[in-house]
């Protein structure tokens, strides 16, 4: 009974976090690298706070599930899928701090992503890619029962790394496209007579 309740709360927290994350990713993509409005900045900060709360709840219920699983079956902790999930969620958590203290301040300065330095754009693209991929892959590991005790940790982490790399390439392409589109638009604007 307790295990079922823990799984349920764990699943709800993951669903809420992934839902908020995907909606926020879509909103940022829709801005096409242009400056965010005050409302969009406030929404970004609120979304970040909600995802942080969901992540905290995931850690609490996840640890409880691991302890409960170990007490019921001591071989529960030798499942390499469990360690892959813990690794991904740990990276996700560390990246969350980077998002909060590096990425979000740059998104909210008012100039827009297109006006950032190249290294800042690359770090934003990588951090965002790592975040979205980590959330989705951790959720997948949560339901990938056939992978339990059958796929090695290194194989799972290689799949994860390939997914992060793919998402990063796509994010860089999007940022390049947004910057190029804005530059073309600025070139076409009529120059006002002085």
C-alpha atoms as a PDB file:
ATOM      1  CA  UNK A   1       0.000   0.000   0.000  1.00  0.00           C
ATOM      2  CA  UNK A   2       2.733   2.484   0.997  1.00  0.00           C
ATOM      3  CA  UNK A   3       4.839   1.532  -2.025  1.00  0.00           C
ATOM      4  CA  UNK A   4       1.883   2.116  -4.361  1.00  0.00           C
ATOM      5  CA  UNK A   5       1.268   5.536  -2.822  1.00  0.00           C
ATOM      6  CA  UNK A   6       4.963   6.437  -3.167  1.00  0.00           C
ATOM      7  CA  UNK A   7       4.977   5.369  -6.821  1.00  0.00           C
ATOM      8  CA  UNK A   8       1.822   7.388  -7.445  1.00  0.00           C
ATOM      9  CA  UNK A   9       3.233  10.586  -5.874  1.00  0.00           C
ATOM     10  CA  UNK A  10       6.558  10.004  -7.672  1.00  0.00           C
ATOM     11  CA  UNK A  11       4.733   9.652 -10.993  1.00  0.00           C
ATOM     12  CA  UNK A  12       2.585  12.744 -10.410  1.00  0.00           C
ATOM     13  CA  UNK A  13       5.636  14.855  -9.548  1.00  0.00           C
ATOM     14  CA  UNK A  14       7.402  13.652 -12.717  1.00  0.00           C
ATOM     15  CA  UNK A  15       4.340  14.383 -14.867  1.00  0.00           C
ATOM     16  CA  UNK A  16       3.964  17.891 -13.444  1.00  0.00           C
ATOM     17  CA  UNK A  17       7.656  18.679 -13.911  1.00  0.00           C
ATOM     18  CA  UNK A  18       7.858  17.333 -17.475  1.00  0.00           C
ATOM     19  CA  UNK A  19       4.626  19.089 -18.440  1.00  0.00           C
ATOM     20  CA  UNK A  20       5.864  22.446 -17.137  1.00  0.00           C
ATOM     21  CA  UNK A  21       9.270  21.903 -18.733  1.00  0.00           C
ATOM     22  CA  UNK A  22       7.869  21.129 -22.189  1.00  0.00           C
ATOM     23  CA  UNK A  23       5.476  24.091 -22.066  1.00  0.00           C
ATOM     24  CA  UNK A  24       8.332  26.395 -21.040  1.00  0.00           C
ATOM     25  CA  UNK A  25      10.636  24.979 -23.738  1.00  0.00           C
ATOM     26  CA  UNK A  26       7.937  25.653 -26.321  1.00  0.00           C
ATOM     27  CA  UNK A  27       7.471  29.220 -25.049  1.00  0.00           C
ATOM     28  CA  UNK A  28      11.217  29.878 -25.268  1.00  0.00           C
ATOM     29  CA  UNK A  29      11.374  28.428 -28.787  1.00  0.00           C
ATOM     30  CA  UNK A  30       8.398  30.570 -29.798  1.00  0.00           C
ATOM     31  CA  UNK A  31      10.260  33.708 -28.680  1.00  0.00           C
ATOM     32  CA  UNK A  32      12.886  32.872 -31.355  1.00  0.00           C
ATOM     33  CA  UNK A  33      15.683  34.289 -29.227  1.00  0.00           C
ATOM     34  CA  UNK A  34      14.096  37.730 -28.949  1.00  0.00           C
ATOM     35  CA  UNK A  35      13.786  39.514 -25.588  1.00  0.00           C
ATOM     36  CA  UNK A  36      11.206  38.065 -23.223  1.00  0.00           C
ATOM     37  CA  UNK A  37       8.378  40.252 -22.004  1.00  0.00           C
ATOM     38  CA  UNK A  38       7.950  40.938 -18.295  1.00  0.00           C
ATOM     39  CA  UNK A  39       5.094  38.403 -18.233  1.00  0.00           C
ATOM     40  CA  UNK A  40       7.238  35.753 -19.953  1.00  0.00           C
ATOM     41  CA  UNK A  41      10.081  36.375 -17.490  1.00  0.00           C
ATOM     42  CA  UNK A  42       7.699  36.038 -14.542  1.00  0.00           C
ATOM     43  CA  UNK A  43       6.294  32.821 -16.026  1.00  0.00           C
ATOM     44  CA  UNK A  44       9.816  31.434 -16.510  1.00  0.00           C
ATOM     45  CA  UNK A  45      10.682  32.121 -12.865  1.00  0.00           C
ATOM     46  CA  UNK A  46       7.409  30.604 -11.631  1.00  0.00           C
ATOM     47  CA  UNK A  47       7.902  27.534 -13.821  1.00  0.00           C
ATOM     48  CA  UNK A  48      11.460  27.111 -12.521  1.00  0.00           C
ATOM     49  CA  UNK A  49      10.191  27.274  -8.930  1.00  0.00           C
ATOM     50  CA  UNK A  50       7.480  24.671  -9.617  1.00  0.00           C
ATOM     51  CA  UNK A  51       9.917  22.307 -11.334  1.00  0.00           C
ATOM     52  CA  UNK A  52      12.307  22.667  -8.373  1.00  0.00           C
ATOM     53  CA  UNK A  53       9.515  21.692  -5.981  1.00  0.00           C
ATOM     54  CA  UNK A  54       8.605  18.702  -8.163  1.00  0.00           C
ATOM     55  CA  UNK A  55      12.269  17.647  -8.293  1.00  0.00           C
ATOM     56  CA  UNK A  56      12.516  17.840  -4.496  1.00  0.00           C
ATOM     57  CA  UNK A  57       9.424  15.663  -4.204  1.00  0.00           C
ATOM     58  CA  UNK A  58      10.921  13.220  -6.725  1.00  0.00           C
ATOM     59  CA  UNK A  59      14.090  12.902  -4.657  1.00  0.00           C
ATOM     60  CA  UNK A  60      12.108  12.321  -1.440  1.00  0.00           C
ATOM     61  CA  UNK A  61       9.782   9.712  -2.941  1.00  0.00           C
ATOM     62  CA  UNK A  62      12.618   8.161  -4.969  1.00  0.00           C
ATOM     63  CA  UNK A  63      14.798   7.639  -1.898  1.00  0.00           C
ATOM     64  CA  UNK A  64      11.796   6.202  -0.040  1.00  0.00           C
ATOM     65  CA  UNK A  65      11.123   3.819  -2.951  1.00  0.00           C
ATOM     66  CA  UNK A  66      14.762   2.658  -3.003  1.00  0.00           C
ATOM     67  CA  UNK A  67      14.780   2.053   0.763  1.00  0.00           C
ATOM     68  CA  UNK A  68      11.439   0.239   0.542  1.00  0.00           C
ATOM     69  CA  UNK A  69      12.666  -1.830  -2.410  1.00  0.00           C
ATOM     70  CA  UNK A  70      15.882  -2.760  -0.614  1.00  0.00           C
ATOM     71  CA  UNK A  71      14.032  -3.780   2.559  1.00  0.00           C
ATOM     72  CA  UNK A  72      11.727  -6.027   0.536  1.00  0.00           C
ATOM     73  CA  UNK A  73      14.405  -7.448  -1.788  1.00  0.00           C
ATOM     74  CA  UNK A  74      18.080  -6.702  -0.972  1.00  0.00           C
ATOM     75  CA  UNK A  75      19.056  -7.421  -4.604  1.00  0.00           C
ATOM     76  CA  UNK A  76      16.927  -4.420  -5.618  1.00  0.00           C
ATOM     77  CA  UNK A  77      19.961  -2.132  -5.417  1.00  0.00           C
ATOM     78  CA  UNK A  78      22.082  -4.195  -7.824  1.00  0.00           C
ATOM     79  CA  UNK A  79      19.742  -3.279 -10.674  1.00  0.00           C
ATOM     80  CA  UNK A  80      21.933  -1.226 -13.038  1.00  0.00           C
ATOM     81  CA  UNK A  81      18.857   0.592 -14.355  1.00  0.00           C
ATOM     82  CA  UNK A  82      18.336   2.024 -10.855  1.00  0.00           C
ATOM     83  CA  UNK A  83      21.903   3.384 -10.839  1.00  0.00           C
ATOM     84  CA  UNK A  84      21.485   4.824 -14.332  1.00  0.00           C
ATOM     85  CA  UNK A  85      18.339   6.615 -13.168  1.00  0.00           C
ATOM     86  CA  UNK A  86      20.085   7.937 -10.050  1.00  0.00           C
ATOM     87  CA  UNK A  87      22.992   9.148 -12.226  1.00  0.00           C
ATOM     88  CA  UNK A  88      20.675  10.917 -14.667  1.00  0.00           C
ATOM     89  CA  UNK A  89      18.649  12.555 -11.896  1.00  0.00           C
ATOM     90  CA  UNK A  90      21.846  13.653 -10.142  1.00  0.00           C
ATOM     91  CA  UNK A  91      23.062  15.293 -13.369  1.00  0.00           C
ATOM     92  CA  UNK A  92      19.608  16.796 -13.795  1.00  0.00           C
ATOM     93  CA  UNK A  93      19.754  18.264 -10.298  1.00  0.00           C
ATOM     94  CA  UNK A  94      23.254  19.716 -10.737  1.00  0.00           C
ATOM     95  CA  UNK A  95      22.214  21.161 -14.091  1.00  0.00           C
ATOM     96  CA  UNK A  96      19.186  22.697 -12.365  1.00  0.00           C
ATOM     97  CA  UNK A  97      21.528  24.834 -10.249  1.00  0.00           C
ATOM     98  CA  UNK A  98      23.359  25.912 -13.411  1.00  0.00           C
ATOM     99  CA  UNK A  99      20.049  26.796 -15.054  1.00  0.00           C
ATOM    100  CA  UNK A 100      18.952  28.878 -12.075  1.00  0.00           C
ATOM    101  CA  UNK A 101      22.207  30.737 -11.529  1.00  0.00           C
ATOM    102  CA  UNK A 102      23.592  31.062 -15.073  1.00  0.00           C
ATOM    103  CA  UNK A 103      20.915  30.520 -17.726  1.00  0.00           C
ATOM    104  CA  UNK A 104      17.800  32.151 -16.280  1.00  0.00           C
ATOM    105  CA  UNK A 105      19.540  35.437 -15.408  1.00  0.00           C
ATOM    106  CA  UNK A 106      20.736  35.670 -19.024  1.00  0.00           C
ATOM    107  CA  UNK A 107      17.281  34.885 -20.364  1.00  0.00           C
ATOM    108  CA  UNK A 108      15.795  37.619 -18.188  1.00  0.00           C
ATOM    109  CA  UNK A 109      18.250  40.486 -18.847  1.00  0.00           C
ATOM    110  CA  UNK A 110      16.033  41.877 -21.577  1.00  0.00           C
ATOM    111  CA  UNK A 111      18.378  41.666 -24.586  1.00  0.00           C
ATOM    112  CA  UNK A 112      17.260  38.214 -25.687  1.00  0.00           C
ATOM    113  CA  UNK A 113      19.234  35.091 -26.486  1.00  0.00           C
ATOM    114  CA  UNK A 114      20.219  36.381 -29.929  1.00  0.00           C
ATOM    115  CA  UNK A 115      22.272  39.194 -28.367  1.00  0.00           C
ATOM    116  CA  UNK A 116      24.256  36.936 -26.029  1.00  0.00           C
ATOM    117  CA  UNK A 117      27.907  36.045 -26.581  1.00  0.00           C
ATOM    118  CA  UNK A 118      28.576  32.806 -28.483  1.00  0.00           C
ATOM    119  CA  UNK A 119      29.863  30.951 -25.413  1.00  0.00           C
ATOM    120  CA  UNK A 120      26.731  31.965 -23.483  1.00  0.00           C
ATOM    121  CA  UNK A 121      24.496  30.663 -26.277  1.00  0.00           C
ATOM    122  CA  UNK A 122      26.407  27.371 -26.336  1.00  0.00           C
ATOM    123  CA  UNK A 123      26.098  26.970 -22.567  1.00  0.00           C
ATOM    124  CA  UNK A 124      22.377  27.801 -22.721  1.00  0.00           C
ATOM    125  CA  UNK A 125      21.870  25.277 -25.525  1.00  0.00           C
ATOM    126  CA  UNK A 126      23.788  22.581 -23.672  1.00  0.00           C
ATOM    127  CA  UNK A 127      22.106  23.179 -20.326  1.00  0.00           C
ATOM    128  CA  UNK A 128      18.631  23.260 -21.874  1.00  0.00           C
ATOM    129  CA  UNK A 129      19.345  20.115 -23.890  1.00  0.00           C
ATOM    130  CA  UNK A 130      20.690  18.332 -20.835  1.00  0.00           C
ATOM    131  CA  UNK A 131      17.643  19.352 -18.804  1.00  0.00           C
ATOM    132  CA  UNK A 132      14.963  18.240 -21.256  1.00  0.00           C
ATOM    133  CA  UNK A 133      16.768  15.039 -22.231  1.00  0.00           C
ATOM    134  CA  UNK A 134      17.472  14.135 -18.598  1.00  0.00           C
ATOM    135  CA  UNK A 135      13.866  14.588 -17.523  1.00  0.00           C
ATOM    136  CA  UNK A 136      12.540  12.530 -20.422  1.00  0.00           C
ATOM    137  CA  UNK A 137      15.186   9.799 -20.105  1.00  0.00           C
ATOM    138  CA  UNK A 138      14.717   9.518 -16.328  1.00  0.00           C
ATOM    139  CA  UNK A 139      10.975   9.087 -16.906  1.00  0.00           C
ATOM    140  CA  UNK A 140      11.702   6.454 -19.542  1.00  0.00           C
ATOM    141  CA  UNK A 141      13.976   4.564 -17.147  1.00  0.00           C
ATOM    142  CA  UNK A 142      11.167   4.639 -14.610  1.00  0.00           C
ATOM    143  CA  UNK A 143       8.905   2.637 -16.921  1.00  0.00           C
ATOM    144  CA  UNK A 144      11.506   0.549 -18.821  1.00  0.00           C
ATOM    145  CA  UNK A 145      10.897  -2.665 -16.892  1.00  0.00           C
ATOM    146  CA  UNK A 146      12.510  -4.880 -19.574  1.00  0.00           C
ATOM    147  CA  UNK A 147      15.811  -3.044 -18.935  1.00  0.00           C
ATOM    148  CA  UNK A 148      15.878  -4.130 -15.272  1.00  0.00           C
ATOM    149  CA  UNK A 149      18.749  -6.538 -14.608  1.00  0.00           C
ATOM    150  CA  UNK A 150      19.238  -7.000 -18.375  1.00  0.00           C
ATOM    151  CA  UNK A 151      21.002  -3.924 -19.778  1.00  0.00           C
ATOM    152  CA  UNK A 152      24.347  -2.730 -18.478  1.00  0.00           C
ATOM    153  CA  UNK A 153      24.796   0.670 -16.880  1.00  0.00           C
ATOM    154  CA  UNK A 154      27.343   1.723 -19.519  1.00  0.00           C
ATOM    155  CA  UNK A 155      24.903   0.921 -22.343  1.00  0.00           C
ATOM    156  CA  UNK A 156      22.131   2.984 -20.762  1.00  0.00           C
ATOM    157  CA  UNK A 157      24.472   5.903 -20.156  1.00  0.00           C
ATOM    158  CA  UNK A 158      25.754   5.696 -23.750  1.00  0.00           C
ATOM    159  CA  UNK A 159      22.158   5.925 -25.027  1.00  0.00           C
ATOM    160  CA  UNK A 160      21.632   8.889 -22.697  1.00  0.00           C
ATOM    161  CA  UNK A 161      24.799  10.630 -23.903  1.00  0.00           C
ATOM    162  CA  UNK A 162      23.758  10.153 -27.545  1.00  0.00           C
ATOM    163  CA  UNK A 163      20.336  11.637 -26.815  1.00  0.00           C
ATOM    164  CA  UNK A 164      21.889  14.643 -25.039  1.00  0.00           C
ATOM    165  CA  UNK A 165      24.286  15.177 -27.961  1.00  0.00           C
ATOM    166  CA  UNK A 166      21.417  14.997 -30.470  1.00  0.00           C
ATOM    167  CA  UNK A 167      19.309  17.461 -28.471  1.00  0.00           C
ATOM    168  CA  UNK A 168      22.329  19.796 -28.165  1.00  0.00           C
ATOM    169  CA  UNK A 169      22.903  19.774 -31.943  1.00  0.00           C
ATOM    170  CA  UNK A 170      19.219  20.561 -32.534  1.00  0.00           C
ATOM    171  CA  UNK A 171      19.294  23.375 -29.937  1.00  0.00           C
ATOM    172  CA  UNK A 172      22.405  24.907 -31.532  1.00  0.00           C
ATOM    173  CA  UNK A 173      20.770  24.743 -34.954  1.00  0.00           C
ATOM    174  CA  UNK A 174      17.673  26.497 -33.581  1.00  0.00           C
ATOM    175  CA  UNK A 175      19.749  29.249 -31.956  1.00  0.00           C
ATOM    176  CA  UNK A 176      21.726  29.725 -35.180  1.00  0.00           C
ATOM    177  CA  UNK A 177      18.468  29.955 -37.143  1.00  0.00           C
ATOM    178  CA  UNK A 178      16.959  32.468 -34.695  1.00  0.00           C
ATOM    179  CA  UNK A 179      20.077  34.675 -34.796  1.00  0.00           C
ATOM    180  CA  UNK A 180      20.237  34.520 -38.584  1.00  0.00           C
ATOM    181  CA  UNK A 181      16.535  35.329 -38.963  1.00  0.00           C
ATOM    182  CA  UNK A 182      16.876  38.332 -36.641  1.00  0.00           C
ATOM    183  CA  UNK A 183      19.969  39.584 -38.494  1.00  0.00           C
ATOM    184  CA  UNK A 184      18.145  39.342 -41.842  1.00  0.00           C
ATOM    185  CA  UNK A 185      15.146  41.190 -40.398  1.00  0.00           C
ATOM    186  CA  UNK A 186      17.394  43.958 -39.046  1.00  0.00           C
ATOM    187  CA  UNK A 187      19.083  44.336 -42.449  1.00  0.00           C
ATOM    188  CA  UNK A 188      15.709  44.785 -44.118  1.00  0.00           C
ATOM    189  CA  UNK A 189      14.483  47.450 -41.709  1.00  0.00           C
ATOM    190  CA  UNK A 190      14.537  50.917 -43.301  1.00  0.00           C
ATOM    191  CA  UNK A 191      17.178  53.242 -41.929  1.00  0.00           C
ATOM    192  CA  UNK A 192      15.562  56.359 -40.502  1.00  0.00           C
ATOM    193  CA  UNK A 193      16.740  59.660 -41.937  1.00  0.00           C
ATOM    194  CA  UNK A 194      18.637  61.823 -39.490  1.00  0.00           C
END
